[in-house]
């Protein structure tokens, strides 16, 4: 029996403004964009700077660090997912916002709000790598 992918294939894999982000995950890099005219660094990647609306953008690598803001245990999900699983909301270390991701390698009883976490990577197939959240040990 085939293993479930435990993810939904993102529809924006080939969007020009997102392609580099997905390629970065494949290389184990968590990338975002920086606006060259105003130096704003923002996440998630998009086609224009949210501060000045410019589109002269470059890619920068973020650290793999964050803080667990909240989490939940998911018991009901689409058929692509094995349940239950842990889903975390993480504040990025750079202060750019929050990401959600599946928490791996931990049990619910180990999780504490405010604990350090890191971004980890899971190869779904040869064309897709997803990020996930791991406890900083």
N, C-alpha and C. Protein backbone atom coordinates (compact mmCIF):
# COMPACT_ATOMS: atom_id res chain seq x y z
N UNK A 1 0.84 -1.18 0.00
CA UNK A 1 0.00 0.00 0.00
C UNK A 1 0.89 1.25 0.00
N UNK A 2 0.58 2.20 -0.85
CA UNK A 2 1.37 3.42 -0.97
C UNK A 2 1.20 4.29 0.27
N UNK A 3 2.28 4.96 0.66
CA UNK A 3 2.23 5.87 1.78
C UNK A 3 1.53 7.16 1.37
N UNK A 4 0.77 7.76 2.29
CA UNK A 4 0.09 9.02 1.99
C UNK A 4 1.12 10.14 1.88
N UNK A 5 0.87 11.13 1.01
CA UNK A 5 1.85 12.21 0.85
C UNK A 5 1.91 13.14 2.06
N UNK A 6 0.84 13.17 2.88
CA UNK A 6 0.77 14.05 4.04
C UNK A 6 0.97 15.52 3.69
N UNK A 7 0.57 15.88 2.49
CA UNK A 7 0.55 17.27 2.07
C UNK A 7 -0.36 17.39 0.85
N UNK A 8 -0.73 18.59 0.58
CA UNK A 8 -1.48 18.89 -0.64
C UNK A 8 -0.51 19.63 -1.55
N UNK A 9 -0.40 19.18 -2.78
CA UNK A 9 0.54 19.80 -3.72
C UNK A 9 0.15 21.27 -3.92
N UNK A 10 1.07 22.20 -3.59
CA UNK A 10 0.75 23.63 -3.70
C UNK A 10 0.45 24.03 -5.14
N UNK A 11 -0.58 24.85 -5.33
CA UNK A 11 -0.92 25.27 -6.69
C UNK A 11 0.04 26.32 -7.25
N UNK A 12 0.86 26.93 -6.40
CA UNK A 12 1.73 28.03 -6.85
C UNK A 12 3.18 27.61 -7.09
N UNK A 13 3.43 26.33 -7.29
CA UNK A 13 4.80 25.85 -7.50
C UNK A 13 5.50 26.53 -8.67
N UNK A 14 4.76 26.90 -9.69
CA UNK A 14 5.38 27.44 -10.89
C UNK A 14 5.09 28.93 -11.10
N UNK A 15 4.49 29.58 -10.10
CA UNK A 15 4.30 31.03 -10.20
C UNK A 15 5.67 31.68 -10.22
N UNK A 16 5.93 32.63 -11.10
CA UNK A 16 7.25 33.27 -11.15
C UNK A 16 7.67 33.87 -9.81
N UNK A 17 6.73 34.43 -9.04
CA UNK A 17 7.08 35.05 -7.77
C UNK A 17 7.32 34.04 -6.65
N UNK A 18 7.04 32.76 -6.88
CA UNK A 18 7.19 31.74 -5.85
C UNK A 18 8.19 30.63 -6.21
N UNK A 19 8.51 30.52 -7.47
CA UNK A 19 9.34 29.41 -7.96
C UNK A 19 10.65 29.28 -7.17
N UNK A 20 11.31 30.40 -6.92
CA UNK A 20 12.59 30.38 -6.21
C UNK A 20 12.42 29.88 -4.77
N UNK A 21 11.29 30.21 -4.14
CA UNK A 21 11.02 29.72 -2.79
C UNK A 21 10.99 28.20 -2.77
N UNK A 22 10.25 27.60 -3.71
CA UNK A 22 10.14 26.14 -3.77
C UNK A 22 11.47 25.49 -4.13
N UNK A 23 12.23 26.13 -5.00
CA UNK A 23 13.55 25.60 -5.35
C UNK A 23 14.49 25.66 -4.14
N UNK A 24 14.34 26.70 -3.33
CA UNK A 24 15.15 26.83 -2.12
C UNK A 24 14.87 25.70 -1.14
N UNK A 25 13.60 25.34 -0.98
CA UNK A 25 13.26 24.25 -0.07
C UNK A 25 13.95 22.97 -0.50
N UNK A 26 14.02 22.74 -1.80
CA UNK A 26 14.69 21.54 -2.32
C UNK A 26 16.16 21.52 -1.89
N UNK A 27 16.77 22.72 -1.77
CA UNK A 27 18.17 22.84 -1.37
C UNK A 27 18.32 23.01 0.15
N UNK A 28 17.21 22.84 0.88
CA UNK A 28 17.21 23.01 2.35
C UNK A 28 17.51 24.46 2.74
N UNK A 29 16.95 25.39 1.97
CA UNK A 29 17.07 26.82 2.26
C UNK A 29 15.67 27.40 2.39
N UNK A 30 15.45 28.20 3.43
CA UNK A 30 14.16 28.86 3.62
C UNK A 30 14.33 30.30 3.13
N UNK A 31 13.85 30.56 1.92
CA UNK A 31 14.08 31.83 1.24
C UNK A 31 12.87 32.75 1.32
N UNK A 32 13.16 34.03 1.28
CA UNK A 32 12.12 35.03 1.12
C UNK A 32 12.68 36.15 0.26
N UNK A 33 11.92 37.23 0.13
CA UNK A 33 12.33 38.30 -0.77
C UNK A 33 12.70 39.57 -0.03
N UNK A 34 13.55 40.34 -0.69
CA UNK A 34 13.96 41.65 -0.20
C UNK A 34 13.79 42.64 -1.34
N UNK A 35 13.18 43.76 -1.04
CA UNK A 35 13.00 44.82 -2.03
C UNK A 35 14.30 45.61 -2.12
N UNK A 36 14.87 45.70 -3.30
CA UNK A 36 16.14 46.40 -3.46
C UNK A 36 16.01 47.92 -3.28
N UNK A 37 14.95 48.59 -3.78
CA UNK A 37 14.84 50.04 -3.58
C UNK A 37 14.66 50.47 -2.11
N UNK A 38 13.83 49.74 -1.34
CA UNK A 38 13.54 50.21 0.03
C UNK A 38 14.09 49.28 1.12
N UNK A 39 14.73 48.17 0.74
CA UNK A 39 15.34 47.21 1.67
C UNK A 39 14.35 46.46 2.55
N UNK A 40 13.08 46.49 2.26
CA UNK A 40 12.08 45.73 3.03
C UNK A 40 12.26 44.23 2.77
N UNK A 41 12.35 43.45 3.83
CA UNK A 41 12.38 42.00 3.73
C UNK A 41 11.01 41.51 4.19
N UNK A 42 10.39 40.64 3.41
CA UNK A 42 9.01 40.23 3.72
C UNK A 42 8.78 38.77 3.41
N UNK A 43 7.82 38.21 4.12
CA UNK A 43 7.39 36.84 3.92
C UNK A 43 5.88 36.81 4.08
N UNK A 44 5.16 36.09 3.24
CA UNK A 44 5.61 35.19 2.21
C UNK A 44 6.03 35.93 0.93
N UNK A 45 6.76 35.24 0.06
CA UNK A 45 7.16 35.85 -1.21
C UNK A 45 5.94 36.27 -2.03
N UNK A 46 6.10 37.34 -2.77
CA UNK A 46 5.03 37.82 -3.64
C UNK A 46 5.63 38.61 -4.79
N UNK A 47 4.82 39.10 -5.67
CA UNK A 47 5.32 39.75 -6.88
C UNK A 47 5.76 41.20 -6.67
N UNK A 48 5.28 41.84 -5.59
CA UNK A 48 5.61 43.25 -5.33
C UNK A 48 5.90 43.45 -3.84
N UNK A 49 6.70 44.44 -3.54
CA UNK A 49 7.01 44.79 -2.17
C UNK A 49 5.75 45.32 -1.47
N UNK A 50 5.44 44.84 -0.26
CA UNK A 50 4.26 45.34 0.44
C UNK A 50 4.44 46.76 0.99
N UNK A 51 5.69 47.24 1.04
CA UNK A 51 5.94 48.58 1.59
C UNK A 51 5.89 49.65 0.51
N UNK A 52 6.64 49.45 -0.58
CA UNK A 52 6.73 50.50 -1.61
C UNK A 52 6.08 50.09 -2.94
N UNK A 53 5.60 48.85 -3.02
CA UNK A 53 4.97 48.27 -4.21
C UNK A 53 5.94 48.08 -5.38
N UNK A 54 7.23 48.22 -5.10
CA UNK A 54 8.23 47.99 -6.15
C UNK A 54 8.33 46.51 -6.49
N UNK A 55 8.87 46.24 -7.67
CA UNK A 55 9.03 44.84 -8.07
C UNK A 55 10.48 44.49 -8.42
N UNK A 56 11.42 45.30 -7.94
CA UNK A 56 12.84 44.99 -8.09
C UNK A 56 13.26 44.23 -6.83
N UNK A 57 13.10 42.91 -6.87
CA UNK A 57 13.24 42.08 -5.69
C UNK A 57 14.40 41.10 -5.83
N UNK A 58 14.99 40.76 -4.69
CA UNK A 58 16.04 39.76 -4.65
C UNK A 58 15.64 38.72 -3.60
N UNK A 59 16.31 37.59 -3.61
CA UNK A 59 16.03 36.51 -2.67
C UNK A 59 17.08 36.48 -1.58
N UNK A 60 16.64 36.28 -0.33
CA UNK A 60 17.54 36.17 0.80
C UNK A 60 17.15 34.93 1.60
N UNK A 61 18.14 34.34 2.24
CA UNK A 61 17.88 33.16 3.06
C UNK A 61 17.62 33.58 4.49
N UNK A 62 16.55 33.03 5.06
CA UNK A 62 16.24 33.25 6.47
C UNK A 62 16.89 32.16 7.30
N UNK A 63 17.02 32.42 8.58
CA UNK A 63 17.53 31.38 9.47
C UNK A 63 16.47 30.28 9.55
N UNK A 64 16.82 29.17 10.11
CA UNK A 64 15.85 28.10 10.27
C UNK A 64 15.24 28.12 11.67
N UNK A 65 15.31 29.27 12.33
CA UNK A 65 14.88 29.38 13.73
C UNK A 65 13.52 30.05 13.86
N UNK A 66 12.83 29.68 14.93
CA UNK A 66 11.55 30.30 15.24
C UNK A 66 11.12 29.96 16.67
N UNK A 67 9.96 30.46 17.04
CA UNK A 67 9.37 30.23 18.35
C UNK A 67 7.96 29.74 18.17
N UNK A 68 7.61 28.69 18.89
CA UNK A 68 6.26 28.13 18.78
C UNK A 68 5.26 29.11 19.39
N UNK A 69 4.39 29.65 18.56
CA UNK A 69 3.37 30.61 18.99
C UNK A 69 2.12 29.88 19.47
N UNK A 70 1.75 28.82 18.77
CA UNK A 70 0.57 28.04 19.12
C UNK A 70 0.64 26.72 18.38
N UNK A 71 -0.20 25.78 18.78
CA UNK A 71 -0.24 24.50 18.08
C UNK A 71 -1.57 23.83 18.37
N UNK A 72 -1.89 22.85 17.54
CA UNK A 72 -3.09 22.06 17.74
C UNK A 72 -2.82 20.65 17.23
N UNK A 73 -3.62 19.73 17.70
CA UNK A 73 -3.54 18.36 17.19
C UNK A 73 -4.74 18.16 16.28
N UNK A 74 -4.48 17.79 15.04
CA UNK A 74 -5.52 17.63 14.02
C UNK A 74 -5.95 16.17 13.96
N UNK A 75 -7.25 15.96 14.12
CA UNK A 75 -7.79 14.60 14.08
C UNK A 75 -8.57 14.31 12.81
N UNK A 76 -9.09 15.35 12.17
CA UNK A 76 -9.84 15.17 10.93
C UNK A 76 -9.19 16.03 9.85
N UNK A 77 -8.85 15.40 8.74
CA UNK A 77 -8.19 16.12 7.65
C UNK A 77 -8.55 15.47 6.32
N UNK A 78 -8.13 16.10 5.26
CA UNK A 78 -8.34 15.53 3.94
C UNK A 78 -7.69 14.16 3.85
N UNK A 79 -8.11 13.40 2.89
CA UNK A 79 -7.64 12.02 2.75
C UNK A 79 -6.14 11.91 2.47
N UNK A 80 -5.49 13.01 2.07
CA UNK A 80 -4.05 12.98 1.79
C UNK A 80 -3.21 12.88 3.08
N UNK A 81 -3.83 13.09 4.22
CA UNK A 81 -3.10 13.17 5.48
C UNK A 81 -3.40 12.00 6.40
N UNK A 82 -2.33 11.50 7.04
CA UNK A 82 -2.49 10.57 8.14
C UNK A 82 -2.85 11.39 9.37
N UNK A 83 -3.82 10.95 10.13
CA UNK A 83 -4.20 11.66 11.34
C UNK A 83 -4.05 10.72 12.53
N UNK A 84 -3.87 11.24 13.72
CA UNK A 84 -3.73 12.67 14.03
C UNK A 84 -2.30 13.16 13.72
N UNK A 85 -2.19 14.48 13.58
CA UNK A 85 -0.87 15.09 13.43
C UNK A 85 -0.88 16.43 14.14
N UNK A 86 0.30 16.94 14.42
CA UNK A 86 0.45 18.21 15.11
C UNK A 86 0.70 19.32 14.10
N UNK A 87 0.01 20.42 14.25
CA UNK A 87 0.15 21.57 13.37
C UNK A 87 0.57 22.76 14.22
N UNK A 88 1.68 23.38 13.85
CA UNK A 88 2.21 24.50 14.63
C UNK A 88 2.12 25.83 13.92
N UNK A 89 2.01 26.87 14.71
CA UNK A 89 2.07 28.25 14.25
C UNK A 89 3.35 28.83 14.85
N UNK A 90 4.27 29.27 13.99
CA UNK A 90 5.62 29.63 14.42
C UNK A 90 5.93 31.07 14.05
N UNK A 91 6.45 31.81 15.04
CA UNK A 91 6.97 33.16 14.79
C UNK A 91 8.38 33.00 14.23
N UNK A 92 8.63 33.55 13.05
CA UNK A 92 9.95 33.50 12.45
C UNK A 92 10.93 34.34 13.27
N UNK A 93 12.15 33.85 13.42
CA UNK A 93 13.16 34.54 14.23
C UNK A 93 13.43 35.95 13.72
N UNK A 94 13.29 36.17 12.44
CA UNK A 94 13.57 37.49 11.85
C UNK A 94 12.45 38.50 12.10
N UNK A 95 11.35 38.05 12.71
CA UNK A 95 10.25 38.96 13.01
C UNK A 95 9.40 39.32 11.80
N UNK A 96 9.44 38.51 10.76
CA UNK A 96 8.72 38.82 9.52
C UNK A 96 7.28 38.32 9.53
N UNK A 97 6.90 37.59 10.53
CA UNK A 97 5.56 37.04 10.55
C UNK A 97 5.57 35.62 11.04
N UNK A 98 4.52 34.90 10.71
CA UNK A 98 4.35 33.54 11.18
C UNK A 98 4.15 32.59 10.01
N UNK A 99 4.56 31.35 10.26
CA UNK A 99 4.29 30.28 9.31
C UNK A 99 3.55 29.17 10.04
N UNK A 100 2.80 28.41 9.29
CA UNK A 100 2.18 27.20 9.83
C UNK A 100 2.89 26.01 9.20
N UNK A 101 2.97 24.95 9.94
CA UNK A 101 3.60 23.75 9.41
C UNK A 101 3.35 22.56 10.30
N UNK A 102 3.49 21.40 9.71
CA UNK A 102 3.34 20.15 10.45
C UNK A 102 4.54 20.01 11.39
N UNK A 103 4.26 19.68 12.64
CA UNK A 103 5.31 19.46 13.62
C UNK A 103 5.73 18.00 13.54
N UNK A 104 7.02 17.77 13.39
CA UNK A 104 7.53 16.40 13.24
C UNK A 104 8.49 16.07 14.39
N UNK A 105 8.57 14.78 14.70
CA UNK A 105 9.53 14.32 15.69
C UNK A 105 9.22 14.71 17.12
N UNK A 106 7.96 14.99 17.42
CA UNK A 106 7.59 15.38 18.77
C UNK A 106 6.19 14.88 19.08
N UNK A 107 5.90 14.78 20.35
CA UNK A 107 4.56 14.44 20.80
C UNK A 107 3.94 15.66 21.45
N UNK A 108 2.62 15.69 21.51
CA UNK A 108 1.90 16.84 22.06
C UNK A 108 2.38 17.20 23.46
N UNK A 109 2.66 16.20 24.28
CA UNK A 109 3.06 16.47 25.67
C UNK A 109 4.41 17.19 25.77
N UNK A 110 5.20 17.19 24.71
CA UNK A 110 6.50 17.87 24.71
C UNK A 110 6.39 19.35 24.34
N UNK A 111 5.27 19.77 23.76
CA UNK A 111 5.16 21.11 23.21
C UNK A 111 4.79 22.14 24.27
N UNK A 112 5.44 23.29 24.18
CA UNK A 112 5.17 24.42 25.07
C UNK A 112 5.18 25.69 24.24
N UNK A 113 4.19 26.53 24.46
CA UNK A 113 4.15 27.82 23.78
C UNK A 113 5.42 28.59 24.14
N UNK A 114 6.06 29.19 23.15
CA UNK A 114 7.28 29.95 23.37
C UNK A 114 8.56 29.16 23.25
N UNK A 115 8.45 27.86 23.03
CA UNK A 115 9.66 27.04 22.93
C UNK A 115 10.35 27.26 21.58
N UNK A 116 11.68 27.14 21.54
CA UNK A 116 12.39 27.30 20.27
C UNK A 116 12.12 26.11 19.35
N UNK A 117 11.95 26.41 18.09
CA UNK A 117 11.75 25.39 17.07
C UNK A 117 12.63 25.74 15.87
N UNK A 118 12.74 24.80 14.95
CA UNK A 118 13.51 25.07 13.74
C UNK A 118 12.73 24.54 12.54
N UNK A 119 13.05 25.08 11.40
CA UNK A 119 12.47 24.62 10.16
C UNK A 119 13.26 23.40 9.70
N UNK A 120 12.54 22.37 9.33
CA UNK A 120 13.15 21.16 8.80
C UNK A 120 12.52 20.91 7.43
N UNK A 121 12.96 19.89 6.74
CA UNK A 121 12.52 19.67 5.36
C UNK A 121 12.15 18.22 5.14
N UNK A 122 11.13 18.00 4.32
CA UNK A 122 10.67 16.66 3.97
C UNK A 122 10.53 16.57 2.46
N UNK A 123 11.20 15.60 1.85
CA UNK A 123 11.05 15.38 0.42
C UNK A 123 9.77 14.59 0.18
N UNK A 124 8.82 15.20 -0.51
CA UNK A 124 7.56 14.54 -0.84
C UNK A 124 7.78 13.61 -2.03
N UNK A 125 8.46 14.12 -3.04
CA UNK A 125 8.87 13.34 -4.20
C UNK A 125 10.06 14.05 -4.82
N UNK A 126 10.51 13.60 -5.98
CA UNK A 126 11.72 14.21 -6.56
C UNK A 126 11.50 15.65 -7.00
N UNK A 127 10.24 16.08 -7.14
CA UNK A 127 9.96 17.45 -7.58
C UNK A 127 9.50 18.38 -6.47
N UNK A 128 9.25 17.86 -5.27
CA UNK A 128 8.65 18.69 -4.23
C UNK A 128 9.25 18.39 -2.86
N UNK A 129 9.74 19.44 -2.24
CA UNK A 129 10.19 19.41 -0.84
C UNK A 129 9.32 20.40 -0.08
N UNK A 130 8.83 19.97 1.08
CA UNK A 130 8.02 20.82 1.94
C UNK A 130 8.80 21.12 3.21
N UNK A 131 8.49 22.25 3.83
CA UNK A 131 9.09 22.51 5.14
C UNK A 131 8.17 21.97 6.22
N UNK A 132 8.75 21.67 7.36
CA UNK A 132 8.00 21.24 8.53
C UNK A 132 8.68 21.85 9.76
N UNK A 133 8.10 21.64 10.91
CA UNK A 133 8.59 22.25 12.14
C UNK A 133 9.15 21.16 13.04
N UNK A 134 10.34 21.37 13.56
CA UNK A 134 10.98 20.41 14.47
C UNK A 134 11.34 21.13 15.77
N UNK A 135 11.30 20.39 16.85
CA UNK A 135 11.66 20.93 18.15
C UNK A 135 13.17 21.16 18.18
N UNK A 136 13.59 22.32 18.66
CA UNK A 136 15.02 22.62 18.80
C UNK A 136 15.54 21.88 20.01
N UNK A 137 16.45 20.96 19.78
CA UNK A 137 16.97 20.15 20.91
C UNK A 137 18.41 20.46 21.20
